[in-house]
């Protein structure tokens, strides 16, 4: 099927229809509009200028031919004063707005790559990491690689530090670990951001069931709930407002997940470890004394050792006496 080419160029102009006068091309649509408008009058009014303006911007571009045609119309047709002012202002305003939009579009479409944050140029190499949003491209010169030294699988510097799995890996990768420190304790940043989004600027400021689902999804994203993620769940439940239904949903979801993942009950292992650590901490606390109490404890310990030594000496002396008595009797 033949493509329908637009007037002017391929940027959306309708099929080019021109009228040649003295060897110069003019826009037929614009000329037809003013000719029809001046059949029964000698001046163009505002209504006529509005129709002419539609012809000018019909392809969303004020072409050189249209500019030439507009100049020709001004030289050969008359405008009412207010009509002339209106179309001049309309064209100038439309052209200025379009220039701003085109500049913004061009800037947005020019993608930046690599650690140097520059546009594509020369030979580029793509990162083979499977982390969401990575897939970046780098200038070969910036990586220090050459066509001869480029490996079959290559990770960018950032993904190498994260030990990201390669593209095509069958195992579902755990999302990039990001933490947020609160009172010197690590929490999962993704979960906290999901909670912040849930209560920010919408609804009644409480975590809904839909919000709870998003938070829970962040927790189990790697098919595993880590100690940090459990801590973050506890923190979010304690420091954010929840609806009754959302709390119920989260508790049920967490219970079901732990039933389906019996070998991954990190919380049970953590509770056992915490209990052990607490016992050791208590033992140290009892044995750790300061000031006079510490000195007294050392003194008592020394006296106890001396007492044990004396007891041992007496015991040894008695053993010797027994031996001497037995020898004398023989």
Protein backbone atom coordinates (compact mmCIF):
# COMPACT_ATOMS: atom_id res chain seq x y z
CA UNK A 1 0.00 0.00 0.00
CA UNK A 2 1.42 3.36 -1.01
CA UNK A 3 1.94 5.76 1.87
CA UNK A 4 0.08 9.09 1.88
CA UNK A 5 2.77 11.70 1.93
CA UNK A 6 1.92 14.94 3.75
CA UNK A 7 2.53 18.42 2.48
CA UNK A 8 5.98 19.91 2.99
CA UNK A 9 7.71 16.88 4.48
CA UNK A 10 7.11 13.67 6.47
CA UNK A 11 6.29 15.46 9.75
CA UNK A 12 2.54 15.42 9.32
CA UNK A 13 1.79 17.76 6.38
CA UNK A 14 -1.07 16.84 4.04
CA UNK A 15 -0.44 15.92 0.40
CA UNK A 16 1.41 18.79 -1.30
CA UNK A 17 -0.89 20.83 -3.58
CA UNK A 18 0.74 23.89 -5.07
CA UNK A 19 -0.12 26.65 -7.49
CA UNK A 20 2.67 28.07 -9.61
CA UNK A 21 2.63 31.78 -10.41
CA UNK A 22 5.45 33.28 -12.46
CA UNK A 23 7.57 30.21 -11.77
CA UNK A 24 7.08 30.41 -7.99
CA UNK A 25 5.24 27.76 -5.98
CA UNK A 26 2.49 28.88 -3.63
CA UNK A 27 0.16 27.00 -1.28
CA UNK A 28 -3.04 26.32 -3.23
CA UNK A 29 -5.20 25.90 -0.09
CA UNK A 30 -4.26 29.33 1.25
CA UNK A 31 -4.82 31.01 -2.14
CA UNK A 32 -8.17 29.26 -2.61
CA UNK A 33 -9.27 30.48 0.83
CA UNK A 34 -8.53 34.15 0.18
CA UNK A 35 -9.91 34.00 -3.35
CA UNK A 36 -13.21 32.57 -2.09
CA UNK A 37 -13.33 35.17 0.69
CA UNK A 38 -12.86 38.11 -1.68
CA UNK A 39 -15.38 37.04 -4.34
CA UNK A 40 -17.93 39.49 -3.03
CA UNK A 41 -15.74 41.93 -1.04
CA UNK A 42 -12.39 43.60 -1.36
CA UNK A 43 -11.00 43.03 2.16
CA UNK A 44 -10.37 40.00 4.38
CA UNK A 45 -12.11 40.13 7.76
CA UNK A 46 -11.35 38.22 10.99
CA UNK A 47 -13.56 35.26 10.00
CA UNK A 48 -11.62 34.93 6.72
CA UNK A 49 -8.30 35.17 8.56
CA UNK A 50 -9.34 32.35 10.91
CA UNK A 51 -9.97 30.10 7.90
CA UNK A 52 -6.62 31.17 6.43
CA UNK A 53 -4.88 30.43 9.75
CA UNK A 54 -6.31 26.89 9.74
CA UNK A 55 -4.77 26.35 6.30
CA UNK A 56 -1.41 27.64 7.54
CA UNK A 57 -1.14 25.31 10.55
CA UNK A 58 -2.92 22.28 9.05
CA UNK A 59 0.31 20.27 8.97
CA UNK A 60 1.52 21.57 12.34
CA UNK A 61 4.36 23.35 10.58
CA UNK A 62 4.72 26.81 9.00
CA UNK A 63 6.67 25.87 5.84
CA UNK A 64 8.73 28.13 3.61
CA UNK A 65 6.10 27.80 0.87
CA UNK A 66 3.39 28.88 3.30
CA UNK A 67 5.51 31.88 4.36
CA UNK A 68 6.02 32.81 0.69
CA UNK A 69 2.29 32.42 0.08
CA UNK A 70 1.45 34.63 3.07
CA UNK A 71 3.78 37.32 1.72
CA UNK A 72 2.10 37.06 -1.71
CA UNK A 73 -1.36 37.39 -0.12
CA UNK A 74 -0.34 40.54 1.77
CA UNK A 75 0.97 42.07 -1.45
CA UNK A 76 -2.11 41.26 -3.56
CA UNK A 77 -5.02 41.28 -1.08
CA UNK A 78 -6.23 43.78 1.50
CA UNK A 79 -7.03 43.13 5.16
CA UNK A 80 -9.29 44.92 7.56
CA UNK A 81 -7.15 46.50 10.27
CA UNK A 82 -8.37 44.26 13.13
CA UNK A 83 -8.16 41.19 10.87
CA UNK A 84 -4.57 41.98 9.90
CA UNK A 85 -3.62 42.41 13.57
CA UNK A 86 -5.39 39.19 14.52
CA UNK A 87 -3.64 36.94 11.99
CA UNK A 88 -0.21 38.45 12.66
CA UNK A 89 -0.65 37.83 16.39
CA UNK A 90 -2.10 34.34 15.84
CA UNK A 91 0.83 33.21 13.66
CA UNK A 92 3.45 34.69 15.99
CA UNK A 93 1.86 33.15 19.11
CA UNK A 94 1.46 29.73 17.50
CA UNK A 95 5.03 29.71 16.15
CA UNK A 96 6.49 30.68 19.54
CA UNK A 97 4.58 27.95 21.41
CA UNK A 98 5.52 25.36 18.80
CA UNK A 99 9.20 26.32 19.03
CA UNK A 100 9.15 25.73 22.80
CA UNK A 101 7.38 22.36 22.40
CA UNK A 102 9.75 21.23 19.66
CA UNK A 103 12.78 22.17 21.74
CA UNK A 104 11.42 20.27 24.76
CA UNK A 105 10.60 17.25 22.60
CA UNK A 106 14.04 17.24 21.01
CA UNK A 107 15.70 17.48 24.42
CA UNK A 108 13.54 14.66 25.79
CA UNK A 109 14.16 12.38 22.84
CA UNK A 110 17.92 12.75 23.03
CA UNK A 111 18.76 9.87 25.35
CA UNK A 112 21.87 9.98 27.48
CA UNK A 113 23.99 6.91 28.12
CA UNK A 114 27.09 5.66 29.88
CA UNK A 115 28.69 6.84 33.13
CA UNK A 116 29.65 10.05 31.32
CA UNK A 117 25.93 10.79 30.76
CA UNK A 118 26.41 11.73 27.11
CA UNK A 119 24.43 10.88 23.93
CA UNK A 120 25.17 7.81 21.83
CA UNK A 121 28.37 7.99 19.81
CA UNK A 122 30.90 5.60 18.36
CA UNK A 123 30.88 1.95 19.39
CA UNK A 124 28.61 1.19 22.35
CA UNK A 125 28.57 -1.85 24.67
CA UNK A 126 25.45 -2.91 26.60
CA UNK A 127 25.40 -4.11 30.21
CA UNK A 128 24.18 -7.72 30.46
CA UNK A 129 22.71 -7.31 33.95
CA UNK A 130 19.16 -8.45 34.49
CA UNK A 131 18.31 -5.86 37.14
CA UNK A 132 15.23 -3.82 36.31
CA UNK A 133 16.05 -0.49 34.75
CA UNK A 134 19.73 -1.25 34.17
CA UNK A 135 20.24 -2.39 30.57
CA UNK A 136 22.37 0.70 30.02
CA UNK A 137 24.75 1.26 27.13
CA UNK A 138 28.29 2.54 27.49
CA UNK A 139 30.83 4.12 25.16
CA UNK A 140 33.53 1.56 24.49
CA UNK A 141 36.19 4.19 25.18
CA UNK A 142 34.71 4.93 28.64
CA UNK A 143 34.85 1.26 29.67
CA UNK A 144 38.44 0.71 28.57
CA UNK A 145 37.28 -2.20 26.44
CA UNK A 146 38.10 -2.88 22.80
CA UNK A 147 36.49 -5.15 20.22
CA UNK A 148 39.23 -7.69 20.91
CA UNK A 149 38.89 -7.63 24.71
CA UNK A 150 35.08 -7.48 24.92
CA UNK A 151 33.83 -10.64 26.75
CA UNK A 152 30.69 -12.59 25.81
CA UNK A 153 28.99 -11.39 29.00
CA UNK A 154 29.84 -8.00 30.41
CA UNK A 155 28.55 -6.13 33.50
CA UNK A 156 28.88 -2.41 34.10
CA UNK A 157 30.78 -1.27 37.18
CA UNK A 158 27.61 -0.66 39.20
CA UNK A 159 26.11 -4.09 38.47
CA UNK A 160 29.44 -5.84 39.07
CA UNK A 161 29.36 -4.53 42.66
CA UNK A 162 25.81 -5.84 43.04
CA UNK A 163 26.77 -9.22 41.51
CA UNK A 164 23.79 -9.04 39.19
CA UNK A 165 22.75 -12.22 37.28
CA UNK A 166 23.24 -12.18 33.53
CA UNK A 167 20.47 -11.86 30.99
CA UNK A 168 18.77 -15.16 30.37
CA UNK A 169 19.35 -16.40 33.91
CA UNK A 170 16.56 -18.80 34.88
CA UNK A 171 16.63 -17.84 38.53
CA UNK A 172 14.48 -14.87 39.42
CA UNK A 173 16.86 -12.22 40.69
CA UNK A 174 16.41 -10.62 44.05
CA UNK A 175 15.86 -6.91 43.63
CA UNK A 176 18.73 -4.59 44.29
CA UNK A 177 19.24 -4.28 48.03
CA UNK A 178 18.71 -0.77 49.25
CA UNK A 179 18.51 0.11 52.92
CA UNK A 180 17.45 3.10 54.93
CA UNK A 181 18.95 3.78 58.34
CA UNK A 182 16.51 4.81 61.06
CA UNK A 183 17.88 5.14 64.61
CA UNK A 184 20.99 3.19 63.54
CA UNK A 185 18.92 0.26 62.30
CA UNK A 186 18.61 -0.94 58.71
CA UNK A 187 15.21 -1.10 57.01
CA UNK A 188 14.19 -2.01 53.47
CA UNK A 189 14.04 1.23 51.48
CA UNK A 190 11.63 -0.12 48.84
CA UNK A 191 9.09 -1.16 51.45
CA UNK A 192 9.33 2.17 53.26
CA UNK A 193 8.86 4.07 49.99
CA UNK A 194 5.80 1.94 49.20
CA UNK A 195 4.38 2.82 52.62
CA UNK A 196 5.17 6.53 52.16
CA UNK A 197 3.46 6.54 48.77
CA UNK A 198 0.44 4.79 50.27
CA UNK A 199 -0.27 7.51 52.83
CA UNK A 200 0.93 10.52 50.89
CA UNK A 201 -1.60 12.94 49.48
CA UNK A 202 -4.52 10.60 48.92
CA UNK A 203 -7.37 8.96 50.80
CA UNK A 204 -7.50 9.31 54.56
CA UNK A 205 -3.76 8.82 55.08
CA UNK A 206 -4.11 5.17 56.06
CA UNK A 207 -2.63 2.07 54.44
CA UNK A 208 -5.39 0.38 52.42
CA UNK A 209 -5.56 -3.26 51.28
CA UNK A 210 -4.13 -2.30 47.88
CA UNK A 211 -1.30 -0.49 49.63
CA UNK A 212 -0.70 -3.49 51.88
CA UNK A 213 -0.41 -5.70 48.79
CA UNK A 214 2.27 -3.43 47.33
CA UNK A 215 4.22 -3.41 50.60
CA UNK A 216 3.96 -7.19 50.90
CA UNK A 217 5.07 -7.60 47.27
CA UNK A 218 8.20 -5.60 48.09
CA UNK A 219 8.86 -7.90 51.06
CA UNK A 220 8.63 -11.18 49.09
CA UNK A 221 10.11 -9.90 45.82
CA UNK A 222 13.02 -12.33 45.94
CA UNK A 223 10.85 -15.28 47.09
CA UNK A 224 12.35 -14.76 50.53
CA UNK A 225 11.60 -12.54 53.50
CA UNK A 226 14.85 -11.49 55.13
CA UNK A 227 15.34 -10.38 58.72
CA UNK A 228 15.60 -6.78 57.49
CA UNK A 229 12.29 -7.11 55.65
CA UNK A 230 10.60 -8.60 58.73
CA UNK A 231 11.95 -5.68 60.78
CA UNK A 232 10.63 -3.26 58.15
CA UNK A 233 7.17 -4.87 58.23
CA UNK A 234 7.13 -4.47 62.01
CA UNK A 235 8.28 -0.85 61.70
CA UNK A 236 5.62 0.01 59.10
CA UNK A 237 2.84 -1.63 61.13
CA UNK A 238 3.92 0.29 64.22
CA UNK A 239 4.56 3.70 62.64
CA UNK A 240 1.92 3.99 59.91
CA UNK A 241 -1.85 4.09 60.18
CA UNK A 242 -3.59 1.00 58.81
CA UNK A 243 -7.22 0.20 58.17
CA UNK A 244 -8.56 -2.78 60.06
CA UNK A 245 -9.07 -4.73 56.83
CA UNK A 246 -5.57 -3.98 55.54
CA UNK A 247 -4.01 -5.18 58.81
CA UNK A 248 -6.07 -8.36 58.63
CA UNK A 249 -5.10 -8.91 55.01
CA UNK A 250 -1.36 -8.50 55.72
CA UNK A 251 -1.44 -10.88 58.71
CA UNK A 252 -3.28 -13.52 56.66
CA UNK A 253 -0.94 -13.09 53.69
CA UNK A 254 2.13 -13.36 55.92
CA UNK A 255 0.77 -16.47 57.67
CA UNK A 256 -0.05 -18.15 54.35
CA UNK A 257 3.35 -17.27 52.92
CA UNK A 258 5.16 -18.78 55.89
CA UNK A 259 3.08 -21.95 55.60
CA UNK A 260 4.01 -22.22 51.90
CA UNK A 261 7.68 -21.58 52.69
CA UNK A 262 8.39 -23.79 55.75
CA UNK A 263 12.15 -23.85 55.12
CA UNK A 264 12.37 -20.10 54.94
CA UNK A 265 10.97 -19.14 58.33
CA UNK A 266 13.65 -16.63 59.09
CA UNK A 267 11.59 -15.16 61.88
CA UNK A 268 11.64 -18.41 63.91
CA UNK A 269 15.42 -18.70 63.54
CA UNK A 270 15.82 -15.04 64.38
CA UNK A 271 13.69 -15.37 67.54
CA UNK A 272 15.82 -18.30 68.70
CA UNK A 273 19.02 -16.35 68.05
CA UNK A 274 17.64 -13.28 69.82
CA UNK A 275 16.77 -15.40 72.87
CA UNK A 276 20.28 -16.84 72.95
CA UNK A 277 21.86 -13.41 72.52
CA UNK A 278 19.65 -12.02 75.27
CA UNK A 279 20.79 -14.81 77.63
CA UNK A 280 24.45 -14.14 76.88
CA UNK A 281 23.88 -10.43 77.31
CA UNK A 282 22.27 -10.99 80.71
CA UNK A 283 25.15 -13.21 81.81
CA UNK A 284 27.68 -10.55 80.81
CA UNK A 285 25.61 -7.92 82.57
CA UNK A 286 25.69 -9.85 85.82
CA UNK A 287 29.42 -10.51 85.61
CA UNK A 288 30.28 -6.99 84.54
CA UNK A 289 30.67 -4.72 87.58
CA UNK A 290 32.10 -1.26 87.97
CA UNK A 291 33.89 0.80 90.63
CA UNK A 292 33.94 -0.55 94.22
CA UNK A 293 31.81 -3.52 93.26
CA UNK A 294 34.39 -4.52 90.67
CA UNK A 295 37.24 -4.22 93.19
CA UNK A 296 35.30 -6.24 95.75
CA UNK A 297 34.56 -8.91 93.17
CA UNK A 298 38.27 -9.17 92.34
CA UNK A 299 39.16 -9.33 96.06
CA UNK A 300 36.58 -12.04 96.69
CA UNK A 301 37.84 -13.97 93.69
CA UNK A 302 41.45 -13.72 94.95
CA UNK A 303 40.47 -14.80 98.48
CA UNK A 304 38.55 -17.73 97.01
CA UNK A 305 41.61 -18.79 95.02
CA UNK A 306 43.86 -18.51 98.09
CA UNK A 307 41.37 -20.52 100.11
CA UNK A 308 41.33 -23.23 97.48
CA UNK A 309 45.15 -23.25 97.40
CA UNK A 310 45.31 -23.67 101.23
CA UNK A 311 42.78 -26.47 101.07
CA UNK A 312 44.84 -28.19 98.40
CA UNK A 313 48.03 -27.71 100.47
CA UNK A 314 46.40 -29.25 103.54
CA UNK A 315 45.15 -32.13 101.43
CA UNK A 316 48.63 -32.71 100.02
CA UNK A 317 50.13 -32.56 103.54
CA UNK A 318 47.74 -35.21 104.81
CA UNK A 319 48.57 -37.42 101.87
CA UNK A 320 52.27 -37.07 102.70
CA UNK A 321 51.67 -37.92 106.39
CA UNK A 322 49.80 -41.06 105.39
CA UNK A 323 52.62 -42.11 103.12
CA UNK A 324 55.25 -41.46 105.88
CA UNK A 325 53.18 -43.41 108.43
CA UNK A 326 52.83 -46.36 106.11
CA UNK A 327 56.60 -46.39 105.48
CA UNK A 328 57.43 -46.28 109.22
CA UNK A 329 55.11 -49.20 109.99
CA UNK A 330 56.78 -51.34 107.36
